[in-house]
Protein backbone atom coordinates (compact mmCIF):
# COMPACT_ATOMS: atom_id res chain seq x y z
CA MET A 1 57.68 -45.62 24.90
CA THR A 2 57.24 -47.93 21.95
CA LYS A 3 59.90 -50.35 20.58
CA ILE A 4 60.35 -48.19 17.54
CA GLU A 5 61.07 -44.95 19.74
CA GLU A 6 63.30 -47.04 21.85
CA LEU A 7 65.31 -48.12 18.91
CA ILE A 8 65.51 -44.58 17.47
CA ALA A 9 66.75 -43.34 20.79
CA LYS A 10 69.43 -45.90 20.94
CA HIS A 11 70.52 -45.28 17.35
CA PRO A 12 69.90 -41.74 16.34
CA SER A 13 71.01 -42.10 12.89
CA LEU A 14 67.97 -44.44 12.01
CA THR A 15 65.07 -43.01 10.39
CA LYS A 16 61.59 -43.82 11.65
CA VAL A 17 60.83 -46.00 8.43
CA GLU A 18 64.07 -47.94 8.92
CA ALA A 19 63.33 -48.56 12.73
CA ILE A 20 59.65 -49.77 11.72
CA LYS A 21 61.26 -52.18 9.17
CA ILE A 22 63.79 -53.62 11.71
CA VAL A 23 61.07 -54.11 14.39
CA THR A 24 58.50 -55.57 11.84
CA GLU A 25 61.35 -57.96 10.67
CA LYS A 26 62.23 -58.99 14.15
CA ASN A 27 58.59 -59.67 14.94
CA GLU A 28 58.17 -61.97 11.92
CA ARG A 29 61.26 -63.88 12.92
CA LYS A 30 59.83 -64.29 16.41
CA LYS A 31 56.55 -65.36 15.14
CA LYS A 32 58.13 -67.88 12.84
CA ASN A 33 60.36 -69.31 15.71
CA ARG A 34 57.21 -69.56 17.81
CA LEU A 35 55.30 -71.49 15.00
CA GLU A 36 58.24 -73.84 14.39
CA LYS A 37 58.66 -74.42 18.25
CA THR A 38 54.85 -75.28 18.42
CA ASP A 39 54.95 -77.54 15.33
CA ARG A 40 57.96 -79.54 16.94
CA SER A 41 56.12 -79.87 20.28
CA ASN A 42 52.85 -81.05 18.73
CA ALA A 43 54.86 -83.68 16.42
CA LYS A 44 56.47 -84.95 19.72
CA LYS A 45 53.14 -85.09 21.57
CA LEU A 46 51.81 -87.18 18.41
CA ARG A 47 54.77 -89.53 18.51
CA ASN A 48 54.52 -90.02 22.36
CA GLU A 49 50.77 -90.77 21.96
CA ALA A 50 51.29 -93.21 19.22
CA SER A 51 54.05 -95.24 20.95
CA ARG A 52 52.02 -95.17 24.43
CA PRO A 53 50.10 -98.26 25.09
CA LYS A 54 46.31 -97.85 25.63
CA THR A 55 45.23 -98.15 29.11
CA ASP A 56 41.52 -97.92 28.75
CA GLU A 57 41.41 -101.36 26.53
CA VAL A 58 41.26 -104.39 28.80
């Protein structure tokens, strides 16, 4: 059973087009949140690397 079918089964008053729109919007929000989290993580890694002293230089 797909997410759209599950949503329609849970809320029978929804049309298929409305259910598709809801699922699509949710997927876009999730994708945006994942990208933001990745960007924060990458920025943190860069800050940590910049503040860490180089160990290979003698």
